């Protein structure tokens, strides 16, 4: 449990507090309008037609990208860091995924399908999904180019070079898998278009726990060693288990000797700057 103390601000009268709150409200309204404008510009981005065929393994058999829309015209894909052979998924991606199930009914009744995709084979995904108690659709892209084409999995050549193409730039290699979100649209002729992708801290907007924390005096309270979610977030069934999250976003159980975590940032979230 994170219990770091904070420096207590000045204690003032109710009238002084109200004046200060109104000044902050002006800035909050400016930020809201700026966010609205960015959302508008996001919707106006040009689209790219998806020409390649992709197949995904799911509980009901193989499905195409078009079938993932499930009769809707918009599709959000959550890129979940879970490579073949991993015993469990990334801690940060699990944190984000804990917020999905409650939103599904609302999204699906507003013309949006949300599907999670990982490169791990389906049996490995299903075992971890059962452990975490999630209900959302989660399919495997194992054997497909999908993860590589959308820059969340990396080839042996990229890994050997120590540099990967991630978040619209060159990044140091930390993990064979990274996280992100990709959005697609399907028109009346069944044409599929890639409309948006975001990576790094771009997917924080879906982790509503952060939105709650941002309202509190201590905020996110990510005070080191990496100053991001690896300082405190764990799989929701592991908060009482001793261990750390490594540089690739994976939980490492504590050993008898003291474990010293790497200073690198988690692959599922960029360092805060």
Protein backbone atom coordinates (compact mmCIF):
# COMPACT_ATOMS: atom_id res chain seq x y z
CA UNK A 1 0.00 0.00 0.00
CA UNK A 2 1.32 3.45 -0.94
CA UNK A 3 1.25 5.72 2.14
CA UNK A 4 3.79 8.44 1.32
CA UNK A 5 3.16 11.66 3.20
CA UNK A 6 2.45 14.87 1.33
CA UNK A 7 3.36 18.42 2.24
CA UNK A 8 0.18 19.94 3.60
CA UNK A 9 -0.88 23.11 1.76
CA UNK A 10 -1.82 26.31 3.53
CA UNK A 11 -4.95 26.09 5.70
CA UNK A 12 -7.35 28.93 4.88
CA UNK A 13 -10.88 30.12 5.51
CA UNK A 14 -13.84 28.81 3.44
CA UNK A 15 -14.01 32.13 1.60
CA UNK A 16 -10.30 32.02 0.67
CA UNK A 17 -10.66 28.38 -0.42
CA UNK A 18 -13.62 29.29 -2.65
CA UNK A 19 -11.65 32.08 -4.32
CA UNK A 20 -8.73 29.74 -5.01
CA UNK A 21 -11.08 27.02 -6.28
CA UNK A 22 -12.71 29.44 -8.73
CA UNK A 23 -9.31 30.40 -10.11
CA UNK A 24 -8.47 26.74 -10.70
CA UNK A 25 -11.89 26.22 -12.31
CA UNK A 26 -10.96 28.73 -15.01
CA UNK A 27 -7.93 26.60 -15.92
CA UNK A 28 -9.95 23.39 -15.75
CA UNK A 29 -12.47 24.80 -18.22
CA UNK A 30 -9.63 25.84 -20.53
CA UNK A 31 -8.23 22.31 -20.40
CA UNK A 32 -11.67 20.82 -21.11
CA UNK A 33 -12.09 23.02 -24.18
CA UNK A 34 -8.58 22.15 -25.35
CA UNK A 35 -9.34 18.45 -24.91
CA UNK A 36 -12.57 18.87 -26.89
CA UNK A 37 -10.60 20.49 -29.70
CA UNK A 38 -8.02 17.67 -29.76
CA UNK A 39 -10.86 15.14 -29.87
CA UNK A 40 -12.33 17.00 -32.85
CA UNK A 41 -8.98 16.98 -34.67
CA UNK A 42 -8.59 13.27 -33.93
CA UNK A 43 -11.91 12.60 -35.65
CA UNK A 44 -10.71 14.58 -38.66
CA UNK A 45 -7.51 12.58 -39.17
CA UNK A 46 -7.29 10.91 -42.61
CA UNK A 47 -7.97 7.17 -42.77
CA UNK A 48 -5.95 4.30 -44.22
CA UNK A 49 -7.72 1.43 -45.97
CA UNK A 50 -6.78 -1.94 -44.46
CA UNK A 51 -5.81 -4.09 -47.43
CA UNK A 52 -4.28 -7.05 -45.61
CA UNK A 53 -6.38 -9.96 -44.34
CA UNK A 54 -5.93 -10.93 -40.71
CA UNK A 55 -7.20 -13.98 -38.85
CA UNK A 56 -7.57 -14.16 -35.07
CA UNK A 57 -8.14 -17.19 -32.87
CA UNK A 58 -11.03 -16.88 -30.45
CA UNK A 59 -13.19 -19.14 -28.28
CA UNK A 60 -15.65 -19.54 -31.17
CA UNK A 61 -12.98 -20.25 -33.80
CA UNK A 62 -11.11 -18.05 -36.23
CA UNK A 63 -12.44 -14.59 -36.99
CA UNK A 64 -11.45 -11.94 -39.51
CA UNK A 65 -10.89 -8.31 -38.65
CA UNK A 66 -14.27 -7.52 -40.21
CA UNK A 67 -15.98 -10.04 -37.93
CA UNK A 68 -14.54 -8.36 -34.84
CA UNK A 69 -16.86 -5.40 -35.51
CA UNK A 70 -19.80 -7.70 -34.55
CA UNK A 71 -22.25 -5.77 -36.71
CA UNK A 72 -21.10 -2.33 -35.58
CA UNK A 73 -19.30 0.30 -37.65
CA UNK A 74 -16.53 1.18 -35.16
CA UNK A 75 -13.94 -1.03 -33.50
CA UNK A 76 -11.40 -0.32 -30.77
CA UNK A 77 -8.62 -2.87 -30.36
CA UNK A 78 -6.71 -2.97 -27.11
CA UNK A 79 -3.16 -4.21 -27.75
CA UNK A 80 -2.38 -6.25 -24.62
CA UNK A 81 1.26 -7.17 -23.88
CA UNK A 82 1.19 -10.96 -23.69
CA UNK A 83 3.77 -12.87 -25.75
CA UNK A 84 3.81 -16.61 -26.45
CA UNK A 85 5.23 -18.46 -23.49
CA UNK A 86 4.52 -15.79 -20.89
CA UNK A 87 2.70 -17.21 -17.89
CA UNK A 88 0.63 -14.04 -17.44
CA UNK A 89 -0.01 -10.70 -19.09
CA UNK A 90 1.64 -7.35 -18.51
CA UNK A 91 0.77 -5.64 -15.21
CA UNK A 92 0.01 -2.27 -16.81
CA UNK A 93 -2.18 -3.80 -19.52
CA UNK A 94 -3.99 -5.76 -16.81
CA UNK A 95 -4.56 -2.51 -14.89
CA UNK A 96 -6.12 -0.96 -18.01
CA UNK A 97 -8.17 -4.10 -18.71
CA UNK A 98 -9.67 -4.07 -15.22
CA UNK A 99 -11.71 -1.07 -16.42
CA UNK A 100 -13.18 -2.68 -19.56
CA UNK A 101 -16.08 -4.92 -18.57
CA UNK A 102 -18.21 -2.19 -17.05
CA UNK A 103 -17.96 -0.05 -20.19
CA UNK A 104 -18.91 -2.74 -22.71
CA UNK A 105 -22.69 -2.47 -22.53
CA UNK A 106 -22.51 1.28 -23.09
CA UNK A 107 -20.04 1.06 -25.98
CA UNK A 108 -21.90 -1.73 -27.72
CA UNK A 109 -25.16 0.22 -27.60
CA UNK A 110 -23.38 3.20 -29.14
CA UNK A 111 -22.04 1.49 -32.28
CA UNK A 112 -18.61 0.59 -30.87
CA UNK A 113 -17.07 -2.86 -30.39
CA UNK A 114 -14.06 -3.23 -28.09
CA UNK A 115 -11.80 -6.27 -28.48
CA UNK A 116 -8.49 -7.16 -26.82
CA UNK A 117 -5.75 -8.75 -28.95
CA UNK A 118 -2.52 -10.41 -27.84
CA UNK A 119 0.11 -12.49 -29.63
CA UNK A 120 0.02 -15.31 -27.05
CA UNK A 121 -1.78 -18.47 -28.22
CA UNK A 122 -5.45 -18.67 -27.24
CA UNK A 123 -5.07 -21.35 -24.49
CA UNK A 124 -2.57 -19.12 -22.66
CA UNK A 125 -4.90 -16.14 -23.00
CA UNK A 126 -7.91 -18.10 -21.80
CA UNK A 127 -6.10 -19.37 -18.71
CA UNK A 128 -5.02 -15.88 -17.64
CA UNK A 129 -8.42 -14.37 -18.49
CA UNK A 130 -10.11 -16.95 -16.25
CA UNK A 131 -7.70 -16.21 -13.42
CA UNK A 132 -8.44 -12.47 -13.66
CA UNK A 133 -12.21 -12.93 -13.94
CA UNK A 134 -12.59 -10.82 -17.09
CA UNK A 135 -15.51 -11.22 -19.52
CA UNK A 136 -14.47 -9.04 -22.50
CA UNK A 137 -13.61 -10.56 -25.89
CA UNK A 138 -9.91 -11.45 -26.07
CA UNK A 139 -8.45 -13.06 -29.17
CA UNK A 140 -5.03 -14.25 -30.26
CA UNK A 141 -3.09 -12.88 -33.23
CA UNK A 142 -0.56 -15.71 -32.98
CA UNK A 143 0.81 -16.54 -36.45
CA UNK A 144 -0.48 -13.25 -37.87
CA UNK A 145 1.35 -10.06 -38.86
CA UNK A 146 -1.23 -7.95 -37.02
CA UNK A 147 0.83 -7.06 -33.94
CA UNK A 148 3.88 -6.32 -36.04
CA UNK A 149 1.95 -4.17 -38.52
CA UNK A 150 0.52 -2.07 -35.70
CA UNK A 151 3.89 -1.73 -33.93
CA UNK A 152 3.19 -3.52 -30.65
CA UNK A 153 5.32 -6.64 -31.30
CA UNK A 154 8.83 -6.67 -32.63
CA UNK A 155 10.87 -8.95 -34.85
CA UNK A 156 14.03 -10.79 -33.84
CA UNK A 157 15.98 -8.40 -36.08
CA UNK A 158 14.57 -5.37 -34.26
CA UNK A 159 15.29 -6.93 -30.90
CA UNK A 160 18.88 -7.72 -31.93
CA UNK A 161 19.38 -4.14 -33.10
CA UNK A 162 18.29 -2.83 -29.70
CA UNK A 163 15.94 -0.28 -31.30
CA UNK A 164 12.26 -0.58 -32.11
CA UNK A 165 9.70 1.53 -33.96
CA UNK A 166 7.24 2.50 -31.24
CA UNK A 167 5.01 5.50 -30.52
CA UNK A 168 5.88 7.11 -33.85
CA UNK A 169 9.59 7.15 -33.25
CA UNK A 170 12.65 5.06 -32.47
CA UNK A 171 12.75 3.66 -28.94
CA UNK A 172 15.15 1.54 -26.94
CA UNK A 173 14.22 -2.12 -26.74
CA UNK A 174 12.71 -3.07 -23.38
CA UNK A 175 10.28 -5.84 -24.29
CA UNK A 176 9.22 -7.97 -27.24
CA UNK A 177 5.68 -6.64 -26.64
CA UNK A 178 4.37 -3.13 -26.03
CA UNK A 179 0.87 -1.79 -25.45
CA UNK A 180 -1.47 0.53 -27.31
CA UNK A 181 -4.90 1.14 -28.78
CA UNK A 182 -5.95 1.06 -32.44
CA UNK A 183 -9.27 2.22 -33.87
CA UNK A 184 -10.96 1.04 -37.07
CA UNK A 185 -14.08 1.95 -39.04
CA UNK A 186 -16.15 -0.16 -41.44
CA UNK A 187 -18.35 1.37 -44.16
CA UNK A 188 -21.46 0.15 -45.96
CA UNK A 189 -19.38 -1.70 -48.56
CA UNK A 190 -17.52 -3.65 -45.83
CA UNK A 191 -14.37 -1.59 -46.42
CA UNK A 192 -12.20 -1.40 -43.28
CA UNK A 193 -10.14 1.66 -42.40
CA UNK A 194 -7.50 2.34 -39.74
CA UNK A 195 -8.39 5.70 -38.19
CA UNK A 196 -6.19 6.09 -35.10
CA UNK A 197 -3.58 4.46 -32.88
CA UNK A 198 -2.03 5.62 -29.64
CA UNK A 199 0.78 4.19 -27.53
CA UNK A 200 2.78 4.82 -24.36
CA UNK A 201 0.85 7.09 -22.02
CA UNK A 202 -1.75 7.64 -24.73
CA UNK A 203 -3.88 4.82 -23.34
CA UNK A 204 -4.03 6.25 -19.81
CA UNK A 205 -7.39 7.80 -20.70
CA UNK A 206 -8.98 4.35 -20.37
CA UNK A 207 -7.63 3.68 -16.86
CA UNK A 208 -10.29 5.44 -14.82
CA UNK A 209 -8.53 4.58 -11.55
CA UNK A 210 -6.07 7.27 -12.58
CA UNK A 211 -8.90 9.76 -13.06
CA UNK A 212 -10.04 9.13 -9.50
CA UNK A 213 -6.50 9.42 -8.13
CA UNK A 214 -5.95 12.70 -9.95
CA UNK A 215 -8.73 14.20 -7.79
CA UNK A 216 -7.02 13.33 -4.50
CA UNK A 217 -4.41 15.26 -2.48
CA UNK A 218 -1.73 12.62 -3.10
CA UNK A 219 -2.63 12.21 -6.77
CA UNK A 220 -1.08 9.18 -8.42
CA UNK A 221 1.63 9.10 -5.76
CA UNK A 222 4.12 7.39 -8.08
CA UNK A 223 7.18 8.42 -6.15
CA UNK A 224 9.86 6.09 -7.51
CA UNK A 225 11.95 4.31 -8.49
CA UNK A 226 10.47 4.70 -12.01
CA UNK A 227 7.79 7.33 -11.36
CA UNK A 228 5.10 5.45 -13.24
CA UNK A 229 2.58 2.70 -12.55
CA UNK A 230 5.28 0.07 -11.96
CA UNK A 231 5.91 1.75 -8.59
CA UNK A 232 2.63 0.42 -7.21
CA UNK A 233 0.22 -1.27 -9.67
CA UNK A 234 0.00 -5.06 -9.49
CA UNK A 235 -2.34 -7.68 -10.94
CA UNK A 236 -5.50 -7.21 -8.90
CA UNK A 237 -4.99 -10.62 -7.25
CA UNK A 238 -1.36 -9.87 -6.33
CA UNK A 239 -1.42 -6.78 -4.13
CA UNK A 240 -0.42 -8.80 -1.10
CA UNK A 241 2.28 -10.79 -2.91
CA UNK A 242 5.90 -9.63 -2.45
CA UNK A 243 7.65 -8.75 -5.70
CA UNK A 244 8.26 -6.02 -8.26
CA UNK A 245 7.31 -5.18 -11.82
CA UNK A 246 10.28 -5.34 -14.18
CA UNK A 247 11.23 -3.05 -17.06
CA UNK A 248 9.06 -5.04 -19.46
CA UNK A 249 5.91 -4.67 -17.36
CA UNK A 250 6.01 -8.19 -15.92
CA UNK A 251 5.62 -9.15 -12.28
CA UNK A 252 8.68 -10.74 -10.68
CA UNK A 253 8.07 -12.53 -7.39
CA UNK A 254 10.41 -11.65 -4.54
CA UNK A 255 13.37 -13.95 -4.05
CA UNK A 256 14.89 -14.83 -0.66
CA UNK A 257 17.53 -12.18 -1.24
CA UNK A 258 16.50 -8.59 -1.77
CA UNK A 259 15.51 -7.91 -5.38
CA UNK A 260 16.82 -4.74 -7.00
CA UNK A 261 14.52 -3.59 -9.83
CA UNK A 262 15.87 -2.09 -13.04
CA UNK A 263 15.74 1.68 -13.41
CA UNK A 264 14.25 1.38 -16.91
CA UNK A 265 10.63 2.32 -17.42
CA UNK A 266 7.85 -0.20 -17.98
CA UNK A 267 7.13 -1.04 -21.59
CA UNK A 268 3.43 -0.36 -21.04
CA UNK A 269 3.89 3.25 -19.96
CA UNK A 270 6.43 5.94 -20.75
CA UNK A 271 8.35 7.67 -17.97
CA UNK A 272 6.69 10.80 -16.67
CA UNK A 273 8.49 13.94 -17.77
